[in-house]
Amino acid sequence: MSNRFYAHPAQRARSARLVLVAAALFGLALLPGFTAAAQAGSGARIAATLFQIDAPQPYSVLTNGASVAITGWTSGTQVDLYLDGPAGVGTGIGSVQVHGARPDVASTMGAELAYSGFEVPFVPETLASGEHMLFAYSLIDGAWSLQTIPIIGAGNVLPTERAADGDDMGVSNTAPESAPGVSSSAPAGPDSGVDSAPGEGDDSATL
């Protein structure tokens, strides 16, 4: 009875070899699936790198009245930017065609991205104190790709216009007294520096 389940060492070795062969065949059967999954993951990572925001860096502090250049590169043809909300919700702050020279990108990502750069100037004026979000869209192969960049508003309040308060830097908004016989009115004409609103044209000539 004690030898009923006894296996000779040679038989055990043969069984172990059979197990190893079966495991190898099973692994070969699964390999195409793993390869496809790895390629899909790699493709997703590559697709994500085709739109990159270089500046401002996340959580940069933006000051009202100070110009900020929103720069980066993309394989797309157009970049649209919104503040504090996606397209249709946030405030549009700029749109630009992509054609800036980026030799640094071309050297690492391929010559087709030699002119993949973009730059959108942004001058905040009423950005409240605290965290905000930039929403950047790139049009890549007919579809919009999104990147978000958190920023911080300094919350500073811009001074009122000098023309409005009249006291800024000691400048008075009171017109100087005219000399006798000289009118203080600005001449009306093309050199007056005042642009007509659309549709007004030369209506003043008919009065």
Protein backbone atom coordinates (compact mmCIF):
# COMPACT_ATOMS: atom_id res chain seq x y z
CA MET A 1 0.00 0.00 0.00
CA SER A 2 2.79 2.40 0.79
CA ASN A 3 4.24 2.01 -2.75
CA ARG A 4 0.92 2.38 -4.58
CA PHE A 5 1.56 6.01 -5.63
CA TYR A 6 5.31 5.71 -5.99
CA ALA A 7 6.75 7.27 -9.17
CA HIS A 8 10.18 6.50 -10.47
CA PRO A 9 12.54 9.53 -10.67
CA ALA A 10 12.73 9.13 -14.44
CA GLN A 11 8.95 9.33 -14.68
CA ARG A 12 8.89 12.46 -12.51
CA ALA A 13 11.50 14.10 -14.72
CA ARG A 14 9.52 13.24 -17.86
CA SER A 15 6.34 14.66 -16.32
CA ALA A 16 8.14 17.86 -15.39
CA ARG A 17 9.38 18.25 -18.97
CA LEU A 18 5.83 17.79 -20.27
CA VAL A 19 4.57 20.47 -17.89
CA LEU A 20 7.28 22.87 -19.06
CA VAL A 21 6.48 22.25 -22.71
CA ALA A 22 2.76 22.81 -22.09
CA ALA A 23 3.49 26.06 -20.27
CA ALA A 24 5.72 27.25 -23.11
CA LEU A 25 3.04 26.48 -25.71
CA PHE A 26 0.44 28.29 -23.60
CA GLY A 27 2.70 31.33 -23.35
CA LEU A 28 3.24 31.39 -27.10
CA ALA A 29 -0.52 31.33 -27.60
CA LEU A 30 -0.97 34.36 -25.35
CA LEU A 31 1.97 36.33 -26.76
CA PRO A 32 0.11 37.99 -29.70
CA GLY A 33 -2.53 39.34 -27.34
CA PHE A 34 0.08 40.80 -24.99
CA THR A 35 1.98 42.29 -27.94
CA ALA A 36 -1.16 43.96 -29.31
CA ALA A 37 -2.01 45.39 -25.89
CA ALA A 38 1.51 46.73 -25.47
CA GLN A 39 1.41 48.32 -28.92
CA ALA A 40 -1.96 49.92 -28.17
CA GLY A 41 -0.64 51.33 -24.91
CA SER A 42 2.46 52.64 -26.64
CA GLY A 43 0.31 54.24 -29.36
CA ALA A 44 -1.82 55.96 -26.74
CA ARG A 45 1.29 57.36 -25.03
CA ILE A 46 2.67 58.60 -28.37
CA ALA A 47 -0.65 60.21 -29.26
CA ALA A 48 -0.66 62.03 -25.94
CA THR A 49 2.79 63.48 -26.62
CA LEU A 50 1.71 65.08 -29.90
CA PHE A 51 0.31 68.09 -28.01
CA GLN A 52 2.53 69.72 -25.41
CA ILE A 53 2.19 72.98 -23.45
CA ASP A 54 5.60 74.44 -22.59
CA ALA A 55 4.48 77.59 -20.78
CA PRO A 56 3.07 78.59 -18.44
CA GLN A 57 4.10 75.79 -16.14
CA PRO A 58 1.37 74.29 -13.91
CA TYR A 59 0.52 76.51 -10.94
CA SER A 60 2.37 79.52 -12.33
CA VAL A 61 1.23 82.80 -10.77
CA LEU A 62 -0.34 85.19 -13.28
CA THR A 63 -0.54 88.88 -12.50
CA ASN A 64 -3.23 91.12 -13.94
CA GLY A 65 -1.79 93.50 -16.48
CA ALA A 66 1.31 91.38 -17.17
CA SER A 67 1.54 89.65 -20.55
CA VAL A 68 1.92 85.87 -20.54
CA ALA A 69 2.95 83.83 -23.58
CA ILE A 70 1.17 80.48 -23.79
CA THR A 71 3.56 78.36 -25.86
CA GLY A 72 4.00 74.77 -26.91
CA TRP A 73 3.96 72.43 -29.89
CA THR A 74 1.54 70.06 -31.53
CA SER A 75 1.10 67.89 -34.59
CA GLY A 76 -2.21 69.67 -35.15
CA THR A 77 -3.01 72.69 -37.29
CA GLN A 78 -4.80 75.00 -34.84
CA VAL A 79 -4.79 75.75 -31.11
CA ASP A 80 -7.71 77.34 -29.20
CA LEU A 81 -7.49 78.48 -25.58
CA TYR A 82 -10.16 79.01 -22.93
CA LEU A 83 -10.06 80.16 -19.32
CA ASP A 84 -11.95 78.47 -16.47
CA GLY A 85 -14.00 76.13 -18.61
CA PRO A 86 -13.99 74.02 -21.76
CA ALA A 87 -15.04 75.28 -25.18
CA GLY A 88 -18.55 76.70 -25.03
CA VAL A 89 -18.30 77.30 -21.28
CA GLY A 90 -15.01 79.06 -20.54
CA THR A 91 -13.84 82.47 -21.70
CA GLY A 92 -12.03 82.37 -25.03
CA ILE A 93 -8.59 83.93 -24.76
CA GLY A 94 -7.02 83.15 -28.12
CA SER A 95 -6.81 81.04 -31.26
CA VAL A 96 -3.77 80.55 -33.47
CA GLN A 97 -2.61 78.56 -36.48
CA VAL A 98 0.32 76.22 -35.88
CA HIS A 99 3.40 77.08 -37.95
CA GLY A 100 6.17 78.11 -35.53
CA ALA A 101 9.63 76.65 -36.05
CA ARG A 102 10.55 73.98 -33.48
CA PRO A 103 13.86 72.38 -34.48
CA ASP A 104 14.19 70.93 -30.98
CA VAL A 105 10.97 68.96 -31.43
CA ALA A 106 11.95 67.86 -34.93
CA SER A 107 15.27 66.49 -33.68
CA THR A 108 13.55 64.16 -31.23
CA MET A 109 10.09 63.53 -32.71
CA GLY A 110 10.70 63.70 -36.46
CA ALA A 111 11.21 66.20 -39.26
CA GLU A 112 7.46 66.44 -39.88
CA LEU A 113 7.19 68.44 -36.63
CA ALA A 114 9.78 71.05 -37.63
CA TYR A 115 7.05 73.73 -37.75
CA SER A 116 4.82 72.52 -34.94
CA GLY A 117 5.22 75.46 -32.55
CA PHE A 118 2.59 77.95 -31.42
CA GLU A 119 2.39 81.02 -29.17
CA VAL A 120 -0.71 82.78 -27.86
CA PRO A 121 -0.26 86.08 -25.95
CA PHE A 122 -2.56 86.52 -22.94
CA VAL A 123 -2.89 89.61 -20.75
CA PRO A 124 -5.19 88.93 -17.76
CA GLU A 125 -7.00 91.97 -16.42
CA THR A 126 -9.61 90.71 -13.95
CA LEU A 127 -8.16 87.35 -12.91
CA ALA A 128 -9.33 86.76 -9.36
CA SER A 129 -7.04 85.49 -6.62
CA GLY A 130 -6.77 81.72 -6.39
CA GLU A 131 -6.63 78.71 -8.69
CA HIS A 132 -7.85 78.81 -12.27
CA MET A 133 -7.63 76.44 -15.24
CA LEU A 134 -6.49 76.93 -18.81
CA PHE A 135 -8.12 74.66 -21.39
CA ALA A 136 -5.99 74.22 -24.52
CA TYR A 137 -7.35 72.46 -27.61
CA SER A 138 -5.36 71.29 -30.63
CA LEU A 139 -7.01 70.23 -33.88
CA ILE A 140 -5.22 66.98 -34.78
CA ASP A 141 -6.40 64.98 -37.80
CA GLY A 142 -9.85 66.52 -37.63
CA ALA A 143 -10.36 65.87 -33.89
CA TRP A 144 -9.77 68.15 -30.91
CA SER A 145 -7.18 67.07 -28.34
CA LEU A 146 -7.36 68.70 -24.89
CA GLN A 147 -4.69 69.72 -22.39
CA THR A 148 -5.45 71.51 -19.10
CA ILE A 149 -3.02 73.72 -17.17
CA PRO A 150 -3.78 74.87 -13.61
CA ILE A 151 -2.68 78.45 -12.90
CA ILE A 152 -2.85 80.79 -9.91
CA GLY A 153 -4.25 84.30 -10.07
CA ALA A 154 -2.33 86.91 -8.07
CA GLY A 155 -5.58 88.80 -7.54
CA ASN A 156 -4.05 92.25 -7.95
CA VAL A 157 -6.39 95.07 -8.96
CA LEU A 158 -5.29 97.18 -11.89
CA PRO A 159 -5.24 100.96 -11.34
CA THR A 160 -7.98 102.95 -13.01
CA GLU A 161 -7.22 104.63 -16.31
CA ARG A 162 -5.54 108.00 -16.05
CA ALA A 163 -8.18 109.47 -18.32
CA ALA A 164 -10.86 108.33 -15.88
CA ASP A 165 -9.49 109.54 -12.54
CA GLY A 166 -7.45 112.52 -13.75
CA ASP A 167 -5.16 112.39 -10.70
CA ASP A 168 -2.80 109.59 -11.71
CA MET A 169 0.80 110.81 -11.71
CA GLY A 170 -0.36 114.39 -11.37
CA VAL A 171 -2.01 114.55 -14.78
CA SER A 172 -5.14 116.69 -14.90
CA ASN A 173 -8.01 115.87 -17.22
CA THR A 174 -9.13 119.51 -17.32
CA ALA A 175 -8.65 121.01 -20.76
CA PRO A 176 -6.32 124.05 -20.84
CA GLU A 177 -7.92 127.45 -21.28
CA SER A 178 -7.95 128.43 -24.94
CA ALA A 179 -6.24 131.55 -26.15
CA PRO A 180 -8.54 134.37 -27.33
CA GLY A 181 -10.03 133.58 -30.71
CA VAL A 182 -8.73 130.01 -30.80
CA SER A 183 -11.14 127.07 -30.55
CA SER A 184 -10.17 124.22 -28.23
CA SER A 185 -12.20 121.66 -30.20
CA ALA A 186 -10.24 118.94 -31.97
CA PRO A 187 -10.58 119.10 -35.75
CA ALA A 188 -13.06 116.63 -37.17
CA GLY A 189 -11.57 114.68 -40.03
CA PRO A 190 -9.55 111.64 -40.92
CA ASP A 191 -6.59 112.81 -38.84
CA SER A 192 -8.54 113.29 -35.62
CA GLY A 193 -7.55 109.85 -34.37
CA VAL A 194 -11.18 108.80 -33.73
CA ASP A 195 -12.40 105.73 -35.56
CA SER A 196 -16.01 105.52 -36.65
CA ALA A 197 -18.10 102.62 -35.46
CA PRO A 198 -19.04 100.11 -38.18
CA GLY A 199 -21.91 101.46 -40.27
CA GLU A 200 -21.49 105.12 -39.28
CA GLY A 201 -19.24 106.02 -42.23
CA ASP A 202 -19.65 109.66 -43.33
CA ASP A 203 -23.10 110.33 -41.84
CA SER A 204 -21.75 113.50 -40.22
CA ALA A 205 -21.43 115.05 -43.65
CA THR A 206 -25.19 114.92 -44.19
CA LEU A 207 -26.06 116.91 -41.06
